[in-house]
């Protein structure tokens, strides 16, 4: 029923989803706010012991429901819906010995048992680090809507999948899964019952001329029958040339057939600093439906989701507002000269996803972790303003934070956000006043989760730090996960999901 409401009444999504137990999209719902209303989130567990083949002895675990081996570099975040758990990874722990090699993979696991049900296998582009970084795999979180799932692949495609896989036959108009899974110059892959059933594929490179930088990473949302996702359009290896300055940074596709329903045309591609990696947020604010996007040029934008035909016949999403999320001092030096991108004092793009909370937008700036530390900012934005609202729409800003690739969590009037250097910040949601800062002494790639009065965050050192949610800093526990935890924790249907680079743990009482 919850999934049905999500599909049919998506205009009421933000109000209705707060009571949902599933976690069907990145950020729980279209607000992208990493907050769960469920009770009973665990604060202590033991991951147990594993053998040389990285198989966990469940008898040695405590408070662990199941464990799944998921690869060697898992960056994709878990989504949970309709009894399934979907997670993106690479193919370094192949489930099918006939389908080996460097590929992107989406695993479908049984929510109750963790049993493997099917996989979507995606061969690499062959472009290396420029557009499809070796062994990175899938960085997108799948969106689960009813009996379908939508995911953005490492090949810069938007793909719709039957949530039941091939177990009920090859459904839909797409019948060429064998060719899709096959690497060029190698024998055709054999389609098994444990393979994904693809319903449609939209290739953003072929259809729109997209040049993805490093990885394609946007996590889609589905609203009113439209799939929205960013394209990851960006610069080339030089970080100065933009191969596709006129291509869109995000698109809308018909959820039924994958046909293009609209595209962004703000000009952000021509101003791109790096790549459009941020996922899209959606909500109704002041009676106006909005698509909210943290952009590759360091601005945050609001768009009308009702596409209009331009003079050349393209369906374009009208821009409602934009705001520069960088300080002027990040873009220009004291003499007025342009500060180059990827330098510590220079500008950043929006990588973390904007969060909608109480009719305000919260978004921070950052860069590819490869570029290291630098100046940051988190902005609170009034999205009822129109035009360039860099001054008029800024409710508050907080600059005592370094670059971040994380998404904020906002709960009970408090903002929790991690910076890449490893610090966690707790701020007042209305004023930006800082209440506390904690240094984990480790890099942070993921985002905070707020659940059951607790704040969870994973670190590159393989720890999950759990705080008491509130204005006073209090660490409840620190759990050792045995491997880097780059993904963000998720709490759904009484289970806490934490991915390391190699394993997915379902945590809670059995």
Protein backbone atom coordinates (compact mmCIF):
# COMPACT_ATOMS: atom_id res chain seq x y z
CA UNK A 1 0.00 0.00 0.00
CA UNK A 2 2.78 2.41 0.83
CA UNK A 3 4.39 1.77 -2.54
CA UNK A 4 1.06 2.25 -4.30
CA UNK A 5 0.57 5.60 -2.60
CA UNK A 6 4.09 6.57 -3.60
CA UNK A 7 3.25 5.94 -7.23
CA UNK A 8 -0.26 7.35 -7.43
CA UNK A 9 -0.15 10.20 -4.95
CA UNK A 10 3.41 11.46 -5.37
CA UNK A 11 2.20 15.03 -5.15
CA UNK A 12 1.52 14.29 -1.48
CA UNK A 13 4.78 12.37 -1.12
CA UNK A 14 6.49 14.50 1.45
CA UNK A 15 3.56 14.46 3.84
CA UNK A 16 2.69 10.82 3.44
CA UNK A 17 6.14 9.23 3.43
CA UNK A 18 7.07 10.19 6.99
CA UNK A 19 5.26 7.12 8.29
CA UNK A 20 6.59 4.73 5.66
CA UNK A 21 8.74 1.89 6.93
CA UNK A 22 10.38 1.11 3.59
CA UNK A 23 13.34 3.12 2.33
CA UNK A 24 12.59 2.97 -1.42
CA UNK A 25 14.86 5.78 -2.67
CA UNK A 26 18.09 7.48 -1.72
CA UNK A 27 17.23 9.77 1.20
CA UNK A 28 14.03 7.82 2.07
CA UNK A 29 11.70 10.01 -0.02
CA UNK A 30 11.77 12.92 -2.45
CA UNK A 31 12.75 15.36 0.31
CA UNK A 32 16.03 13.40 0.48
CA UNK A 33 16.13 13.89 4.25
CA UNK A 34 18.03 11.03 5.87
CA UNK A 35 15.65 10.70 8.84
CA UNK A 36 13.58 7.73 9.97
CA UNK A 37 10.54 7.92 12.25
CA UNK A 38 10.88 4.30 13.31
CA UNK A 39 11.83 3.24 16.82
CA UNK A 40 14.20 0.55 17.98
CA UNK A 41 17.31 1.44 15.99
CA UNK A 42 20.22 -0.59 17.41
CA UNK A 43 23.30 1.10 18.91
CA UNK A 44 25.47 -1.96 19.59
CA UNK A 45 26.37 -5.07 17.62
CA UNK A 46 29.27 -7.35 16.76
CA UNK A 47 30.04 -8.15 13.11
CA UNK A 48 31.64 -11.45 14.09
CA UNK A 49 34.51 -13.31 12.48
CA UNK A 50 35.09 -14.16 8.83
CA UNK A 51 37.29 -16.76 7.16
CA UNK A 52 39.88 -16.33 4.40
CA UNK A 53 37.10 -16.34 1.80
CA UNK A 54 35.44 -13.39 3.59
CA UNK A 55 32.49 -15.50 4.72
CA UNK A 56 31.13 -14.40 8.11
CA UNK A 57 30.54 -17.04 10.78
CA UNK A 58 27.05 -15.99 11.91
CA UNK A 59 27.48 -17.83 15.21
CA UNK A 60 30.12 -15.27 16.19
CA UNK A 61 27.94 -12.23 15.46
CA UNK A 62 25.71 -10.32 17.85
CA UNK A 63 22.58 -8.44 16.83
CA UNK A 64 23.17 -9.25 13.15
CA UNK A 65 20.26 -10.63 11.10
CA UNK A 66 22.26 -11.49 7.97
CA UNK A 67 25.37 -10.55 6.03
CA UNK A 68 25.83 -10.41 2.25
CA UNK A 69 29.15 -10.26 0.38
CA UNK A 70 28.82 -7.42 -2.13
CA UNK A 71 32.15 -6.81 -3.88
CA UNK A 72 35.37 -4.95 -3.19
CA UNK A 73 34.40 -1.28 -3.65
CA UNK A 74 30.80 -0.66 -2.67
CA UNK A 75 29.72 2.98 -2.93
CA UNK A 76 26.04 2.53 -3.81
CA UNK A 77 23.56 3.09 -1.00
CA UNK A 78 20.92 0.57 0.00
CA UNK A 79 17.25 0.97 -0.86
CA UNK A 80 14.52 -1.20 0.61
CA UNK A 81 11.03 -1.78 -0.75
CA UNK A 82 8.45 -4.43 -1.54
CA UNK A 83 10.39 -7.08 0.37
CA UNK A 84 13.63 -6.47 -1.56
CA UNK A 85 16.98 -4.89 -0.75
CA UNK A 86 18.88 -3.35 -3.68
CA UNK A 87 22.52 -2.35 -3.49
CA UNK A 88 25.07 -1.22 -6.07
CA UNK A 89 28.58 -2.65 -6.11
CA UNK A 90 31.26 -4.04 -8.42
CA UNK A 91 31.83 -7.59 -9.67
CA UNK A 92 34.84 -8.54 -7.58
CA UNK A 93 32.78 -11.20 -5.79
CA UNK A 94 30.94 -12.62 -8.81
CA UNK A 95 27.72 -14.46 -8.10
CA UNK A 96 27.80 -16.08 -11.53
CA UNK A 97 31.16 -17.69 -12.48
CA UNK A 98 30.23 -17.24 -16.17
CA UNK A 99 30.02 -13.46 -15.73
CA UNK A 100 33.38 -12.41 -14.36
CA UNK A 101 35.51 -9.32 -14.88
CA UNK A 102 35.23 -5.63 -14.05
CA UNK A 103 31.53 -4.69 -14.24
CA UNK A 104 28.93 -2.65 -12.45
CA UNK A 105 26.43 -4.73 -10.48
CA UNK A 106 23.09 -4.19 -8.76
CA UNK A 107 22.22 -6.99 -6.35
CA UNK A 108 18.67 -7.81 -5.33
CA UNK A 109 18.49 -9.52 -1.93
CA UNK A 110 15.59 -10.87 0.08
CA UNK A 111 14.78 -8.35 2.81
CA UNK A 112 14.12 -10.96 5.52
CA UNK A 113 16.95 -13.39 4.86
CA UNK A 114 19.53 -11.59 2.72
CA UNK A 115 19.29 -14.39 0.17
CA UNK A 116 20.54 -13.50 -3.29
CA UNK A 117 17.71 -13.30 -5.85
CA UNK A 118 19.09 -11.64 -9.00
CA UNK A 119 21.66 -9.24 -10.34
CA UNK A 120 21.91 -6.56 -13.01
CA UNK A 121 25.27 -6.95 -14.74
CA UNK A 122 26.62 -3.89 -16.58
CA UNK A 123 29.86 -4.10 -18.61
CA UNK A 124 32.20 -1.11 -18.40
CA UNK A 125 32.36 1.65 -20.99
CA UNK A 126 36.05 1.03 -21.51
CA UNK A 127 36.78 4.70 -20.95
CA UNK A 128 38.78 4.16 -17.76
CA UNK A 129 38.94 6.82 -15.07
CA UNK A 130 37.68 9.53 -17.42
CA UNK A 131 34.08 8.30 -17.60
CA UNK A 132 33.78 4.86 -15.97
CA UNK A 133 36.44 4.46 -13.29
CA UNK A 134 37.86 0.94 -13.03
CA UNK A 135 36.32 -1.24 -10.31
CA UNK A 136 34.09 1.52 -8.94
CA UNK A 137 30.92 -0.28 -9.99
CA UNK A 138 27.48 1.24 -9.35
CA UNK A 139 27.33 4.47 -7.31
CA UNK A 140 23.61 5.08 -7.83
CA UNK A 141 20.90 3.99 -5.39
CA UNK A 142 17.99 2.31 -7.11
CA UNK A 143 14.46 3.72 -6.75
CA UNK A 144 11.84 1.07 -5.96
CA UNK A 145 8.30 1.83 -7.08
CA UNK A 146 5.81 -1.01 -6.87
CA UNK A 147 7.09 -4.00 -8.85
CA UNK A 148 9.77 -1.99 -10.66
CA UNK A 149 13.15 -0.49 -9.89
CA UNK A 150 14.95 2.37 -11.61
CA UNK A 151 18.72 2.82 -11.53
CA UNK A 152 21.45 4.86 -13.21
CA UNK A 153 24.26 2.60 -14.43
CA UNK A 154 28.01 3.06 -14.73
CA UNK A 155 27.44 3.29 -18.52
CA UNK A 156 25.46 6.54 -18.11
CA UNK A 157 22.10 4.84 -18.69
CA UNK A 158 18.79 5.13 -16.94
CA UNK A 159 17.38 1.60 -16.65
CA UNK A 160 14.01 0.21 -15.56
CA UNK A 161 14.02 -3.31 -14.07
CA UNK A 162 11.34 -5.82 -13.12
CA UNK A 163 11.73 -6.21 -9.34
CA UNK A 164 11.07 -9.96 -9.66
CA UNK A 165 13.96 -10.47 -12.08
CA UNK A 166 13.84 -13.30 -14.62
CA UNK A 167 12.11 -15.64 -12.17
CA UNK A 168 8.73 -14.83 -13.79
CA UNK A 169 10.01 -14.70 -17.37
CA UNK A 170 11.35 -11.96 -19.64
CA UNK A 171 8.66 -9.29 -19.39
CA UNK A 172 8.33 -6.02 -21.23
CA UNK A 173 9.47 -4.86 -24.65
CA UNK A 174 13.20 -5.20 -23.90
CA UNK A 175 14.31 -8.74 -24.77
CA UNK A 176 18.02 -8.38 -25.42
CA UNK A 177 19.46 -8.88 -21.92
CA UNK A 178 22.08 -11.25 -23.32
CA UNK A 179 23.55 -8.60 -25.62
CA UNK A 180 23.28 -5.98 -22.87
CA UNK A 181 25.35 -8.04 -20.43
CA UNK A 182 27.94 -9.12 -22.99
CA UNK A 183 31.33 -7.50 -23.35
CA UNK A 184 32.43 -6.45 -26.84
CA UNK A 185 34.30 -9.17 -28.70
CA UNK A 186 33.30 -11.92 -26.28
CA UNK A 187 30.64 -14.68 -26.59
CA UNK A 188 27.07 -13.72 -25.80
CA UNK A 189 26.18 -13.98 -22.12
CA UNK A 190 23.71 -16.66 -21.12
CA UNK A 191 20.59 -15.26 -19.46
CA UNK A 192 19.86 -17.02 -16.17
CA UNK A 193 16.89 -16.91 -13.81
CA UNK A 194 19.16 -14.97 -11.43
CA UNK A 195 19.67 -12.17 -13.97
CA UNK A 196 17.77 -8.90 -14.05
CA UNK A 197 14.77 -8.50 -16.31
CA UNK A 198 15.31 -5.17 -18.06
CA UNK A 199 12.15 -3.36 -19.15
CA UNK A 200 13.74 -0.36 -20.88
CA UNK A 201 17.07 1.43 -21.26
CA UNK A 202 17.71 5.11 -21.96
CA UNK A 203 21.33 5.73 -22.98
CA UNK A 204 22.15 9.31 -22.00
CA UNK A 205 25.41 9.32 -23.96
CA UNK A 206 23.82 8.25 -27.22
CA UNK A 207 20.58 10.19 -26.85
CA UNK A 208 21.86 13.44 -25.35
CA UNK A 209 25.62 13.55 -25.93
CA UNK A 210 26.40 13.34 -22.21
CA UNK A 211 30.06 13.14 -21.19
CA UNK A 212 30.09 11.59 -17.70
CA UNK A 213 33.10 12.50 -15.60
CA UNK A 214 34.72 9.63 -13.64
CA UNK A 215 31.43 7.94 -12.69
CA UNK A 216 27.70 8.26 -13.28
CA UNK A 217 26.24 8.52 -9.83
CA UNK A 218 22.80 10.12 -9.63
CA UNK A 219 20.08 8.31 -7.67
CA UNK A 220 16.66 8.67 -9.38
CA UNK A 221 13.26 9.57 -7.98
CA UNK A 222 9.89 8.81 -9.58
CA UNK A 223 7.18 11.45 -9.31
CA UNK A 224 3.84 11.45 -11.14
CA UNK A 225 5.04 8.80 -13.57
CA UNK A 226 8.31 10.60 -14.40
CA UNK A 227 11.80 9.32 -13.55
CA UNK A 228 14.14 12.19 -12.68
CA UNK A 229 17.90 11.77 -12.56
CA UNK A 230 21.04 13.83 -13.05
CA UNK A 231 23.28 12.91 -15.98
CA UNK A 232 26.78 13.33 -14.45
CA UNK A 233 27.72 15.48 -17.44
CA UNK A 234 31.10 17.05 -16.75
CA UNK A 235 34.63 17.90 -17.73
CA UNK A 236 37.19 15.67 -19.42
CA UNK A 237 40.49 14.38 -18.01
CA UNK A 238 42.06 17.85 -18.16
CA UNK A 239 39.46 19.33 -15.77
CA UNK A 240 39.43 22.43 -17.98
CA UNK A 241 37.62 21.29 -21.15
CA UNK A 242 33.86 20.65 -21.20
CA UNK A 243 33.13 18.22 -24.06
CA UNK A 244 29.33 18.67 -23.96
CA UNK A 245 28.58 22.23 -22.78
CA UNK A 246 25.03 22.18 -24.22
CA UNK A 247 23.95 18.78 -22.89
CA UNK A 248 21.47 18.66 -19.99
CA UNK A 249 22.49 18.07 -16.41
CA UNK A 250 19.26 16.32 -15.50
CA UNK A 251 16.35 14.79 -17.35
CA UNK A 252 12.86 13.42 -16.85
CA UNK A 253 11.82 10.11 -18.44
CA UNK A 254 8.45 8.41 -18.77
CA UNK A 255 8.46 5.69 -16.11
CA UNK A 256 6.48 3.33 -18.34
CA UNK A 257 8.60 3.40 -21.48
CA UNK A 258 11.72 5.52 -20.87
CA UNK A 259 10.79 8.24 -23.35
CA UNK A 260 12.27 11.69 -22.73
CA UNK A 261 9.76 13.96 -21.00
CA UNK A 262 11.95 16.99 -20.30
CA UNK A 263 15.50 18.24 -19.73
CA UNK A 264 17.42 20.98 -17.93
CA UNK A 265 18.76 23.90 -19.98
CA UNK A 266 19.99 26.41 -17.40
CA UNK A 267 23.44 26.73 -18.95
CA UNK A 268 25.11 25.05 -15.98
CA UNK A 269 26.93 22.57 -18.27
CA UNK A 270 28.88 25.41 -19.86
CA UNK A 271 29.87 26.62 -16.38
CA UNK A 272 30.63 23.13 -15.07
CA UNK A 273 33.46 22.85 -12.55
CA UNK A 274 33.55 19.06 -12.42
CA UNK A 275 30.39 16.93 -12.87
CA UNK A 276 26.67 16.89 -12.09
CA UNK A 277 26.72 14.18 -9.43
CA UNK A 278 24.08 15.51 -7.04
CA UNK A 279 20.70 13.74 -7.02
CA UNK A 280 17.42 15.59 -7.47
CA UNK A 281 15.01 16.64 -4.75
CA UNK A 282 11.28 17.23 -5.23
CA UNK A 283 8.54 18.97 -3.24
CA UNK A 284 5.66 21.41 -3.23
CA UNK A 285 6.58 24.75 -1.66
CA UNK A 286 4.12 27.62 -1.44
CA UNK A 287 1.80 25.80 -3.83
CA UNK A 288 4.54 25.41 -6.47
CA UNK A 289 5.91 21.98 -7.35
CA UNK A 290 9.69 22.11 -7.65
CA UNK A 291 12.61 20.04 -8.81
CA UNK A 292 15.63 21.09 -6.74
CA UNK A 293 19.13 20.42 -7.99
CA UNK A 294 22.61 20.99 -6.57
CA UNK A 295 24.63 21.84 -9.64
CA UNK A 296 28.06 21.26 -11.10
CA UNK A 297 28.68 25.04 -11.28
CA UNK A 298 28.34 25.49 -7.52
CA UNK A 299 24.79 26.86 -7.69
CA UNK A 300 21.60 25.31 -6.36
CA UNK A 301 18.54 25.58 -8.62
CA UNK A 302 14.78 25.22 -8.47
CA UNK A 303 12.78 24.18 -11.56
CA UNK A 304 9.15 23.82 -12.52
CA UNK A 305 8.53 20.10 -13.24
CA UNK A 306 6.03 21.02 -15.95
CA UNK A 307 8.23 21.04 -19.04
CA UNK A 308 7.56 23.58 -21.77
CA UNK A 309 8.52 23.42 -25.44
CA UNK A 310 11.17 25.95 -26.46
CA UNK A 311 11.64 27.61 -29.86
CA UNK A 312 13.54 24.58 -31.18
CA UNK A 313 10.94 22.06 -30.03
CA UNK A 314 12.80 20.75 -26.97
CA UNK A 315 10.88 20.11 -23.75
CA UNK A 316 12.61 22.26 -21.13
CA UNK A 317 12.05 22.55 -17.38
CA UNK A 318 11.58 26.27 -16.61
CA UNK A 319 14.03 27.66 -14.09
CA UNK A 320 12.41 29.21 -11.00
CA UNK A 321 15.48 30.30 -9.04
CA UNK A 322 19.20 29.86 -8.60
CA UNK A 323 21.60 30.66 -5.76
CA UNK A 324 25.40 30.63 -5.61
CA UNK A 325 26.42 28.30 -2.79
CA UNK A 326 30.02 29.54 -2.87
CA UNK A 327 31.42 32.59 -1.17
CA UNK A 328 32.67 35.32 -3.52
CA UNK A 329 36.09 34.82 -1.91
CA UNK A 330 36.07 31.19 -3.12
CA UNK A 331 35.66 32.27 -6.74
CA UNK A 332 37.85 35.38 -6.86
CA UNK A 333 40.98 36.47 -5.02
CA UNK A 334 41.51 39.88 -3.41
CA UNK A 335 42.61 41.32 -6.75
CA UNK A 336 39.49 40.06 -8.51
CA UNK A 337 41.27 37.23 -10.28
CA UNK A 338 39.54 33.89 -10.84
CA UNK A 339 40.63 31.19 -8.39
CA UNK A 340 41.21 27.91 -10.24
CA UNK A 341 39.04 24.90 -9.51
CA UNK A 342 40.46 22.07 -7.43
CA UNK A 343 42.67 24.39 -5.37
CA UNK A 344 42.09 24.46 -1.58
CA UNK A 345 40.79 28.06 -1.45
CA UNK A 346 38.79 27.74 -4.66
CA UNK A 347 35.14 27.12 -5.57
CA UNK A 348 33.27 23.83 -5.28
CA UNK A 349 30.24 22.22 -6.85
CA UNK A 350 27.28 20.65 -5.06
CA UNK A 351 27.88 16.90 -4.67
CA UNK A 352 25.65 16.11 -1.73
CA UNK A 353 21.92 16.19 -2.43
CA UNK A 354 19.78 19.20 -1.40
CA UNK A 355 17.43 18.43 1.48
CA UNK A 356 13.91 19.84 1.81
CA UNK A 357 12.77 20.44 5.39
CA UNK A 358 10.07 22.80 6.66
CA UNK A 359 9.92 24.58 3.28
CA UNK A 360 13.65 25.33 3.32
CA UNK A 361 16.51 23.84 1.33
CA UNK A 362 19.77 22.73 2.96
CA UNK A 363 22.74 22.07 0.69
CA UNK A 364 26.53 22.05 1.03
CA UNK A 365 29.41 22.30 -1.43
CA UNK A 366 32.35 19.99 -2.00
CA UNK A 367 34.61 18.31 -4.52
CA UNK A 368 35.69 14.90 -5.69
CA UNK A 369 37.53 13.25 -2.76
CA UNK A 370 40.52 12.94 -5.08
CA UNK A 371 40.87 16.74 -4.85
CA UNK A 372 41.30 16.76 -1.08
CA UNK A 373 40.33 19.32 1.53
CA UNK A 374 39.34 22.94 1.07
CA UNK A 375 36.87 25.64 2.02
CA UNK A 376 33.21 24.70 2.32
CA UNK A 377 29.78 26.13 3.05
CA UNK A 378 26.33 24.89 3.93
CA UNK A 379 23.43 27.10 2.88
CA UNK A 380 19.85 27.36 4.09
CA UNK A 381 17.72 28.60 1.20
CA UNK A 382 14.23 30.07 0.86
CA UNK A 383 12.89 28.42 -2.32
CA UNK A 384 9.84 30.71 -2.55
CA UNK A 385 12.03 33.44 -4.04
CA UNK A 386 12.49 33.79 -7.81
CA UNK A 387 15.35 34.61 -10.15
CA UNK A 388 18.94 34.90 -8.93
CA UNK A 389 18.39 34.71 -5.18
CA UNK A 390 22.05 34.54 -4.10
CA UNK A 391 21.32 37.40 -1.71
CA UNK A 392 17.55 37.51 -1.26
CA UNK A 393 17.06 33.75 -0.87
CA UNK A 394 19.89 33.00 1.54
CA UNK A 395 18.37 32.43 4.99
CA UNK A 396 21.75 31.67 6.56
CA UNK A 397 25.15 30.26 5.71
CA UNK A 398 27.73 28.37 7.72
CA UNK A 399 31.33 28.53 6.53
CA UNK A 400 33.15 26.90 9.46
CA UNK A 401 33.00 23.63 7.58
CA UNK A 402 35.31 22.06 5.03
CA UNK A 403 34.35 20.56 1.70
CA UNK A 404 31.78 17.81 1.89
CA UNK A 405 30.34 15.15 -0.39
CA UNK A 406 27.63 14.37 2.16
CA UNK A 407 23.92 15.09 2.35
CA UNK A 408 22.52 16.75 5.47
CA UNK A 409 20.00 15.21 7.89
CA UNK A 410 17.51 17.63 9.44
CA UNK A 411 15.39 16.56 12.42
CA UNK A 412 13.69 18.35 15.31
CA UNK A 413 15.09 21.71 14.26
CA UNK A 414 18.71 20.51 14.03
CA UNK A 415 20.97 20.00 11.01
CA UNK A 416 23.57 17.22 11.07
CA UNK A 417 26.19 17.12 8.34
CA UNK A 418 29.60 15.56 7.85
CA UNK A 419 32.56 17.13 6.07
CA UNK A 420 35.03 15.09 4.08
CA UNK A 421 37.87 15.77 6.53
CA UNK A 422 35.92 13.80 9.15
CA UNK A 423 34.11 16.36 11.29
CA UNK A 424 30.41 16.13 12.17
CA UNK A 425 28.56 19.43 12.62
CA UNK A 426 25.30 20.00 14.50
CA UNK A 427 23.59 23.30 13.64
CA UNK A 428 20.33 25.09 14.38
CA UNK A 429 18.06 24.62 11.36
CA UNK A 430 16.52 28.11 11.62
CA UNK A 431 19.66 30.15 12.31
CA UNK A 432 22.72 28.07 11.42
CA UNK A 433 24.05 28.47 14.96
CA UNK A 434 26.56 25.69 15.71
CA UNK A 435 25.88 23.54 18.75
CA UNK A 436 28.71 21.05 18.49
CA UNK A 437 31.43 19.66 16.26
CA UNK A 438 33.02 16.24 16.55
CA UNK A 439 36.19 15.11 14.78
CA UNK A 440 36.13 11.41 13.86
CA UNK A 441 39.79 11.63 12.75
CA UNK A 442 38.87 9.81 9.56
CA UNK A 443 37.59 10.69 6.10
CA UNK A 444 33.81 10.60 5.61
CA UNK A 445 32.20 9.74 2.27
CA UNK A 446 28.67 8.96 3.38
CA UNK A 447 25.88 10.92 5.04
CA UNK A 448 24.39 11.04 8.50
CA UNK A 449 21.29 9.06 9.38
CA UNK A 450 18.93 10.18 12.17
CA UNK A 451 16.81 7.39 13.65
CA UNK A 452 15.25 6.76 17.05
CA UNK A 453 16.97 9.71 18.72
CA UNK A 454 20.38 8.72 17.35
CA UNK A 455 22.73 10.04 14.67
CA UNK A 456 24.74 7.46 12.68
CA UNK A 457 27.77 8.05 10.45
CA UNK A 458 30.31 5.68 8.88
CA UNK A 459 33.98 6.49 8.30
CA UNK A 460 36.81 5.51 5.99
CA UNK A 461 38.52 3.86 8.98
CA UNK A 462 35.65 1.40 9.18
CA UNK A 463 33.88 2.78 12.24
CA UNK A 464 30.25 3.71 12.71
CA UNK A 465 29.95 6.49 15.26
CA UNK A 466 26.57 6.83 16.97
CA UNK A 467 25.62 10.09 18.69
CA UNK A 468 22.69 11.11 20.79
CA UNK A 469 20.52 13.41 18.66
CA UNK A 470 20.38 16.81 20.32
CA UNK A 471 22.09 20.12 21.05
CA UNK A 472 24.66 18.53 23.35
CA UNK A 473 27.29 16.21 21.96
CA UNK A 474 27.14 12.71 23.39
CA UNK A 475 28.65 9.63 21.79
CA UNK A 476 26.55 6.54 22.49
CA UNK A 477 28.88 4.00 20.90
CA UNK A 478 31.50 3.43 18.22
CA UNK A 479 31.16 0.20 16.24
CA UNK A 480 34.02 -1.41 14.31
CA UNK A 481 32.87 -2.63 10.87
CA UNK A 482 36.21 -4.15 9.85
CA UNK A 483 36.40 -2.29 6.50
CA UNK A 484 35.79 1.26 5.21
CA UNK A 485 32.15 2.34 5.40
CA UNK A 486 31.73 4.71 2.45
CA UNK A 487 27.97 4.26 2.06
CA UNK A 488 25.31 5.86 4.26
CA UNK A 489 23.41 3.94 6.96
CA UNK A 490 19.74 3.17 6.30
CA UNK A 491 17.05 2.15 8.81
CA UNK A 492 14.00 0.43 7.34
CA UNK A 493 11.37 -1.92 8.76
CA UNK A 494 13.25 -2.36 12.03
CA UNK A 495 16.59 -3.15 10.41
CA UNK A 496 19.72 -0.99 10.26
CA UNK A 497 21.65 -1.49 7.00
CA UNK A 498 25.33 -0.65 6.90
CA UNK A 499 27.53 -1.34 3.89
CA UNK A 500 31.28 -1.59 4.06
CA UNK A 501 33.36 -1.79 0.90
CA UNK A 502 32.93 -5.57 0.96
CA UNK A 503 29.84 -6.57 2.96
CA UNK A 504 26.29 -5.48 3.65
CA UNK A 505 25.14 -5.98 7.24
CA UNK A 506 21.49 -6.17 8.26
CA UNK A 507 21.55 -5.22 11.93
CA UNK A 508 18.83 -5.76 14.51
CA UNK A 509 17.07 -8.41 16.55
CA UNK A 510 16.46 -11.64 14.66
